[in-house]
Amino acid sequence: MAKVFTITVPPKLGNKRRERTPDPRYVDGQRLLVEAMKYLAQADPIRNRSAIELISEHVRTRFRMSDSPLA
């Protein structure tokens, strides 16, 4: 029968979380995409619907899941 060895590691008590500060490039990128969607909606909402949906999908999936202002 095999033996299982465990190595205990003491917790780091002095590990404080870094203060969150917004990255202006992240915020500007989101603002730019929103302005692009507004422009497309004002120009011709019916013909530009697929482009607006594409940008909207990018904002909902990329910015919320993988992008981080702290990265």
PDB file of N, CA and C in Angstrom:
ATOM      1  N   MET A   1       0.845  -1.171   0.000  1.00  0.00           N
ATOM      2  CA  MET A   1       0.000   0.000   0.000  1.00  0.00           C
ATOM      3  C   MET A   1       0.895   1.240   0.000  1.00  0.00           C
ATOM      4  N   ALA A   2       0.519   2.262  -0.775  1.00  0.00           N
ATOM      5  CA  ALA A   2       1.315   3.484  -0.892  1.00  0.00           C
ATOM      6  C   ALA A   2       1.030   4.420   0.265  1.00  0.00           C
ATOM      7  N   LYS A   3       2.039   5.169   0.627  1.00  0.00           N
ATOM      8  CA  LYS A   3       1.883   6.157   1.687  1.00  0.00           C
ATOM      9  C   LYS A   3       1.707   7.540   1.050  1.00  0.00           C
ATOM     10  N   VAL A   4       0.885   8.356   1.664  1.00  0.00           N
ATOM     11  CA  VAL A   4       0.653   9.716   1.177  1.00  0.00           C
ATOM     12  C   VAL A   4       1.304  10.677   2.155  1.00  0.00           C
ATOM     13  N   PHE A   5       2.184  11.504   1.628  1.00  0.00           N
ATOM     14  CA  PHE A   5       2.855  12.501   2.452  1.00  0.00           C
ATOM     15  C   PHE A   5       2.241  13.868   2.176  1.00  0.00           C
ATOM     16  N   THR A   6       1.986  14.618   3.212  1.00  0.00           N
ATOM     17  CA  THR A   6       1.497  15.982   3.052  1.00  0.00           C
ATOM     18  C   THR A   6       2.515  16.939   3.635  1.00  0.00           C
ATOM     19  N   ILE A   7       2.752  18.001   2.927  1.00  0.00           N
ATOM     20  CA  ILE A   7       3.669  19.031   3.395  1.00  0.00           C
ATOM     21  C   ILE A   7       2.828  20.256   3.717  1.00  0.00           C
ATOM     22  N   THR A   8       2.829  20.640   4.956  1.00  0.00           N
ATOM     23  CA  THR A   8       2.026  21.787   5.346  1.00  0.00           C
ATOM     24  C   THR A   8       2.752  23.087   5.003  1.00  0.00           C
ATOM     25  N   VAL A   9       1.993  24.052   4.563  1.00  0.00           N
ATOM     26  CA  VAL A   9       2.549  25.360   4.220  1.00  0.00           C
ATOM     27  C   VAL A   9       1.828  26.397   5.071  1.00  0.00           C
ATOM     28  N   PRO A  10       2.576  27.170   5.845  1.00  0.00           N
ATOM     29  CA  PRO A  10       1.916  28.173   6.683  1.00  0.00           C
ATOM     30  C   PRO A  10       1.333  29.297   5.807  1.00  0.00           C
ATOM     31  N   PRO A  11       0.178  29.835   6.182  1.00  0.00           N
ATOM     32  CA  PRO A  11      -0.414  30.912   5.386  1.00  0.00           C
ATOM     33  C   PRO A  11       0.384  32.198   5.503  1.00  0.00           C
ATOM     34  N   LYS A  12       0.342  32.996   4.450  1.00  0.00           N
ATOM     35  CA  LYS A  12       1.011  34.299   4.464  1.00  0.00           C
ATOM     36  C   LYS A  12       0.028  35.324   5.034  1.00  0.00           C
ATOM     37  N   LEU A  13       0.244  35.685   6.255  1.00  0.00           N
ATOM     38  CA  LEU A  13      -0.691  36.585   6.927  1.00  0.00           C
ATOM     39  C   LEU A  13      -0.500  38.037   6.506  1.00  0.00           C
ATOM     40  N   GLY A  14       0.681  38.412   6.074  1.00  0.00           N
ATOM     41  CA  GLY A  14       0.945  39.791   5.705  1.00  0.00           C
ATOM     42  C   GLY A  14       0.616  40.093   4.249  1.00  0.00           C
ATOM     43  N   ASN A  15       0.008  39.158   3.546  1.00  0.00           N
ATOM     44  CA  ASN A  15      -0.290  39.341   2.122  1.00  0.00           C
ATOM     45  C   ASN A  15      -1.552  40.196   1.971  1.00  0.00           C
ATOM     46  N   LYS A  16      -1.361  41.489   1.719  1.00  0.00           N
ATOM     47  CA  LYS A  16      -2.502  42.384   1.554  1.00  0.00           C
ATOM     48  C   LYS A  16      -2.864  42.476   0.080  1.00  0.00           C
ATOM     49  N   ARG A  17      -4.133  42.690  -0.172  1.00  0.00           N
ATOM     50  CA  ARG A  17      -4.591  42.841  -1.549  1.00  0.00           C
ATOM     51  C   ARG A  17      -4.148  44.198  -2.072  1.00  0.00           C
ATOM     52  N   ARG A  18      -3.814  44.204  -3.353  1.00  0.00           N
ATOM     53  CA  ARG A  18      -3.412  45.442  -3.998  1.00  0.00           C
ATOM     54  C   ARG A  18      -4.633  46.336  -4.194  1.00  0.00           C
ATOM     55  N   GLU A  19      -4.459  47.623  -3.957  1.00  0.00           N
ATOM     56  CA  GLU A  19      -5.566  48.551  -4.130  1.00  0.00           C
ATOM     57  C   GLU A  19      -5.916  48.654  -5.609  1.00  0.00           C
ATOM     58  N   ARG A  20      -7.205  48.588  -5.891  1.00  0.00           N
ATOM     59  CA  ARG A  20      -7.653  48.615  -7.280  1.00  0.00           C
ATOM     60  C   ARG A  20      -7.721  50.047  -7.781  1.00  0.00           C
ATOM     61  N   THR A  21      -7.006  50.293  -8.850  1.00  0.00           N
ATOM     62  CA  THR A  21      -7.067  51.599  -9.496  1.00  0.00           C
ATOM     63  C   THR A  21      -7.403  51.359 -10.955  1.00  0.00           C
ATOM     64  N   PRO A  22      -8.352  52.095 -11.489  1.00  0.00           N
ATOM     65  CA  PRO A  22      -8.749  51.871 -12.881  1.00  0.00           C
ATOM     66  C   PRO A  22      -7.649  52.295 -13.858  1.00  0.00           C
ATOM     67  N   ASP A  23      -7.499  51.508 -14.891  1.00  0.00           N
ATOM     68  CA  ASP A  23      -6.544  51.810 -15.948  1.00  0.00           C
ATOM     69  C   ASP A  23      -7.260  52.685 -16.974  1.00  0.00           C
ATOM     70  N   PRO A  24      -6.760  53.890 -17.240  1.00  0.00           N
ATOM     71  CA  PRO A  24      -7.461  54.778 -18.173  1.00  0.00           C
ATOM     72  C   PRO A  24      -7.576  54.190 -19.587  1.00  0.00           C
ATOM     73  N   ARG A  25      -6.633  53.351 -19.993  1.00  0.00           N
ATOM     74  CA  ARG A  25      -6.718  52.737 -21.329  1.00  0.00           C
ATOM     75  C   ARG A  25      -7.898  51.776 -21.406  1.00  0.00           C
ATOM     76  N   TYR A  26      -8.163  51.060 -20.336  1.00  0.00           N
ATOM     77  CA  TYR A  26      -9.281  50.121 -20.283  1.00  0.00           C
ATOM     78  C   TYR A  26     -10.603  50.868 -20.389  1.00  0.00           C
ATOM     79  N   VAL A  27     -10.721  51.937 -19.619  1.00  0.00           N
ATOM     80  CA  VAL A  27     -11.946  52.733 -19.618  1.00  0.00           C
ATOM     81  C   VAL A  27     -12.135  53.408 -20.977  1.00  0.00           C
ATOM     82  N   ASP A  28     -11.064  53.950 -21.542  1.00  0.00           N
ATOM     83  CA  ASP A  28     -11.154  54.599 -22.860  1.00  0.00           C
ATOM     84  C   ASP A  28     -11.526  53.601 -23.949  1.00  0.00           C
ATOM     85  N   GLY A  29     -11.035  52.397 -23.844  1.00  0.00           N
ATOM     86  CA  GLY A  29     -11.372  51.362 -24.828  1.00  0.00           C
ATOM     87  C   GLY A  29     -12.852  51.029 -24.792  1.00  0.00           C
ATOM     88  N   GLN A  30     -13.402  50.903 -23.599  1.00  0.00           N
ATOM     89  CA  GLN A  30     -14.836  50.635 -23.491  1.00  0.00           C
ATOM     90  C   GLN A  30     -15.651  51.814 -24.003  1.00  0.00           C
ATOM     91  N   ARG A  31     -15.208  53.018 -23.674  1.00  0.00           N
ATOM     92  CA  ARG A  31     -15.920  54.223 -24.122  1.00  0.00           C
ATOM     93  C   ARG A  31     -15.911  54.317 -25.650  1.00  0.00           C
ATOM     94  N   LEU A  32     -14.779  53.996 -26.251  1.00  0.00           N
ATOM     95  CA  LEU A  32     -14.661  54.043 -27.704  1.00  0.00           C
ATOM     96  C   LEU A  32     -15.604  53.051 -28.375  1.00  0.00           C
ATOM     97  N   LEU A  33     -15.709  51.850 -27.819  1.00  0.00           N
ATOM     98  CA  LEU A  33     -16.615  50.852 -28.392  1.00  0.00           C
ATOM     99  C   LEU A  33     -18.077  51.275 -28.253  1.00  0.00           C
ATOM    100  N   VAL A  34     -18.423  51.879 -27.135  1.00  0.00           N
ATOM    101  CA  VAL A  34     -19.794  52.356 -26.950  1.00  0.00           C
ATOM    102  C   VAL A  34     -20.097  53.482 -27.933  1.00  0.00           C
ATOM    103  N   GLU A  35     -19.146  54.390 -28.133  1.00  0.00           N
ATOM    104  CA  GLU A  35     -19.347  55.467 -29.100  1.00  0.00           C
ATOM    105  C   GLU A  35     -19.485  54.920 -30.516  1.00  0.00           C
ATOM    106  N   ALA A  36     -18.739  53.875 -30.834  1.00  0.00           N
ATOM    107  CA  ALA A  36     -18.856  53.257 -32.158  1.00  0.00           C
ATOM    108  C   ALA A  36     -20.246  52.654 -32.352  1.00  0.00           C
ATOM    109  N   MET A  37     -20.763  52.004 -31.315  1.00  0.00           N
ATOM    110  CA  MET A  37     -22.110  51.434 -31.415  1.00  0.00           C
ATOM    111  C   MET A  37     -23.159  52.534 -31.571  1.00  0.00           C
ATOM    112  N   LYS A  38     -23.002  53.644 -30.847  1.00  0.00           N
ATOM    113  CA  LYS A  38     -23.942  54.761 -30.975  1.00  0.00           C
ATOM    114  C   LYS A  38     -23.905  55.334 -32.390  1.00  0.00           C
ATOM    115  N   TYR A  39     -22.701  55.499 -32.930  1.00  0.00           N
ATOM    116  CA  TYR A  39     -22.555  56.044 -34.278  1.00  0.00           C
ATOM    117  C   TYR A  39     -23.225  55.134 -35.304  1.00  0.00           C
ATOM    118  N   LEU A  40     -22.972  53.843 -35.200  1.00  0.00           N
ATOM    119  CA  LEU A  40     -23.573  52.892 -36.139  1.00  0.00           C
ATOM    120  C   LEU A  40     -25.090  52.874 -36.018  1.00  0.00           C
ATOM    121  N   ALA A  41     -25.604  53.009 -34.799  1.00  0.00           N
ATOM    122  CA  ALA A  41     -27.051  53.004 -34.592  1.00  0.00           C
ATOM    123  C   ALA A  41     -27.689  54.270 -35.162  1.00  0.00           C
ATOM    124  N   GLN A  42     -26.999  55.398 -35.092  1.00  0.00           N
ATOM    125  CA  GLN A  42     -27.545  56.646 -35.624  1.00  0.00           C
ATOM    126  C   GLN A  42     -27.464  56.690 -37.144  1.00  0.00           C
ATOM    127  N   ALA A  43     -26.380  56.125 -37.704  1.00  0.00           N
ATOM    128  CA  ALA A  43     -26.182  56.183 -39.153  1.00  0.00           C
ATOM    129  C   ALA A  43     -27.259  55.386 -39.886  1.00  0.00           C
ATOM    130  N   ASP A  44     -27.326  54.109 -39.598  1.00  0.00           N
ATOM    131  CA  ASP A  44     -28.338  53.246 -40.219  1.00  0.00           C
ATOM    132  C   ASP A  44     -28.497  52.008 -39.350  1.00  0.00           C
ATOM    133  N   PRO A  45     -29.423  52.039 -38.410  1.00  0.00           N
ATOM    134  CA  PRO A  45     -29.531  50.942 -37.442  1.00  0.00           C
ATOM    135  C   PRO A  45     -29.874  49.590 -38.059  1.00  0.00           C
ATOM    136  N   ILE A  46     -30.606  49.591 -39.160  1.00  0.00           N
ATOM    137  CA  ILE A  46     -31.006  48.313 -39.767  1.00  0.00           C
ATOM    138  C   ILE A  46     -29.822  47.672 -40.498  1.00  0.00           C
ATOM    139  N   ARG A  47     -29.125  48.442 -41.309  1.00  0.00           N
ATOM    140  CA  ARG A  47     -27.988  47.877 -42.060  1.00  0.00           C
ATOM    141  C   ARG A  47     -26.795  47.572 -41.159  1.00  0.00           C
ATOM    142  N   ASN A  48     -26.642  48.325 -40.076  1.00  0.00           N
ATOM    143  CA  ASN A  48     -25.488  48.146 -39.190  1.00  0.00           C
ATOM    144  C   ASN A  48     -25.784  47.251 -37.989  1.00  0.00           C
ATOM    145  N   ARG A  49     -26.918  46.597 -38.005  1.00  0.00           N
ATOM    146  CA  ARG A  49     -27.308  45.763 -36.863  1.00  0.00           C
ATOM    147  C   ARG A  49     -26.289  44.663 -36.573  1.00  0.00           C
ATOM    148  N   SER A  50     -25.787  44.013 -37.601  1.00  0.00           N
ATOM    149  CA  SER A  50     -24.822  42.923 -37.368  1.00  0.00           C
ATOM    150  C   SER A  50     -23.519  43.462 -36.785  1.00  0.00           C
ATOM    151  N   ALA A  51     -23.096  44.647 -37.227  1.00  0.00           N
ATOM    152  CA  ALA A  51     -21.868  45.239 -36.683  1.00  0.00           C
ATOM    153  C   ALA A  51     -22.065  45.630 -35.217  1.00  0.00           C
ATOM    154  N   ILE A  52     -23.231  46.175 -34.903  1.00  0.00           N
ATOM    155  CA  ILE A  52     -23.528  46.553 -33.519  1.00  0.00           C
ATOM    156  C   ILE A  52     -23.565  45.311 -32.633  1.00  0.00           C
ATOM    157  N   GLU A  53     -24.163  44.240 -33.120  1.00  0.00           N
ATOM    158  CA  GLU A  53     -24.210  42.993 -32.343  1.00  0.00           C
ATOM    159  C   GLU A  53     -22.814  42.428 -32.126  1.00  0.00           C
ATOM    160  N   LEU A  54     -21.951  42.529 -33.141  1.00  0.00           N
ATOM    161  CA  LEU A  54     -20.577  42.039 -33.014  1.00  0.00           C
ATOM    162  C   LEU A  54     -19.817  42.814 -31.943  1.00  0.00           C
ATOM    163  N   ILE A  55     -19.923  44.134 -31.977  1.00  0.00           N
ATOM    164  CA  ILE A  55     -19.237  44.955 -30.967  1.00  0.00           C
ATOM    165  C   ILE A  55     -19.825  44.687 -29.587  1.00  0.00           C
ATOM    166  N   SER A  56     -21.137  44.570 -29.511  1.00  0.00           N
ATOM    167  CA  SER A  56     -21.791  44.316 -28.233  1.00  0.00           C
ATOM    168  C   SER A  56     -21.347  42.972 -27.645  1.00  0.00           C
ATOM    169  N   GLU A  57     -21.249  41.966 -28.485  1.00  0.00           N
ATOM    170  CA  GLU A  57     -20.801  40.647 -28.030  1.00  0.00           C
ATOM    171  C   GLU A  57     -19.365  40.718 -27.526  1.00  0.00           C
ATOM    172  N   HIS A  58     -18.523  41.489 -28.215  1.00  0.00           N
ATOM    173  CA  HIS A  58     -17.127  41.646 -27.798  1.00  0.00           C
ATOM    174  C   HIS A  58     -17.059  42.306 -26.423  1.00  0.00           C
ATOM    175  N   VAL A  59     -17.854  43.353 -26.220  1.00  0.00           N
ATOM    176  CA  VAL A  59     -17.852  44.057 -24.934  1.00  0.00           C
ATOM    177  C   VAL A  59     -18.330  43.125 -23.827  1.00  0.00           C
ATOM    178  N   ARG A  60     -19.382  42.367 -24.098  1.00  0.00           N
ATOM    179  CA  ARG A  60     -19.938  41.501 -23.048  1.00  0.00           C
ATOM    180  C   ARG A  60     -19.022  40.340 -22.709  1.00  0.00           C
ATOM    181  N   THR A  61     -18.334  39.756 -23.676  1.00  0.00           N
ATOM    182  CA  THR A  61     -17.511  38.583 -23.382  1.00  0.00           C
ATOM    183  C   THR A  61     -16.071  38.949 -23.071  1.00  0.00           C
ATOM    184  N   ARG A  62     -15.435  39.729 -23.898  1.00  0.00           N
ATOM    185  CA  ARG A  62     -14.014  40.023 -23.715  1.00  0.00           C
ATOM    186  C   ARG A  62     -13.733  40.893 -22.506  1.00  0.00           C
ATOM    187  N   PHE A  63     -14.436  42.008 -22.395  1.00  0.00           N
ATOM    188  CA  PHE A  63     -14.131  42.930 -21.310  1.00  0.00           C
ATOM    189  C   PHE A  63     -14.527  42.373 -19.964  1.00  0.00           C
ATOM    190  N   ARG A  64     -15.597  41.632 -19.905  1.00  0.00           N
ATOM    191  CA  ARG A  64     -16.050  41.163 -18.617  1.00  0.00           C
ATOM    192  C   ARG A  64     -15.339  39.891 -18.166  1.00  0.00           C
ATOM    193  N   MET A  65     -14.849  39.083 -19.100  1.00  0.00           N
ATOM    194  CA  MET A  65     -14.236  37.815 -18.711  1.00  0.00           C
ATOM    195  C   MET A  65     -12.717  37.838 -18.713  1.00  0.00           C
ATOM    196  N   SER A  66     -12.120  38.325 -19.789  1.00  0.00           N
ATOM    197  CA  SER A  66     -10.679  38.172 -19.895  1.00  0.00           C
ATOM    198  C   SER A  66      -9.895  39.448 -19.630  1.00  0.00           C
ATOM    199  N   ASP A  67     -10.444  40.604 -19.948  1.00  0.00           N
ATOM    200  CA  ASP A  67      -9.714  41.845 -19.734  1.00  0.00           C
ATOM    201  C   ASP A  67      -9.858  42.301 -18.304  1.00  0.00           C
ATOM    202  N   SER A  68      -8.817  42.888 -17.817  1.00  0.00           N
ATOM    203  CA  SER A  68      -8.835  43.403 -16.450  1.00  0.00           C
ATOM    204  C   SER A  68      -8.076  44.713 -16.414  1.00  0.00           C
ATOM    205  N   PRO A  69      -8.611  45.712 -15.732  1.00  0.00           N
ATOM    206  CA  PRO A  69      -7.862  46.960 -15.645  1.00  0.00           C
ATOM    207  C   PRO A  69      -6.601  46.830 -14.803  1.00  0.00           C
ATOM    208  N   LEU A  70      -6.460  45.733 -14.076  1.00  0.00           N
ATOM    209  CA  LEU A  70      -5.282  45.536 -13.236  1.00  0.00           C
ATOM    210  C   LEU A  70      -4.168  44.776 -13.940  1.00  0.00           C
ATOM    211  N   ALA A  71      -4.456  44.222 -15.104  1.00  0.00           N
ATOM    212  CA  ALA A  71      -3.450  43.403 -15.799  1.00  0.00           C
ATOM    213  C   ALA A  71      -2.340  44.231 -16.392  1.00  0.00           C
TER     214      ALA A  71
END
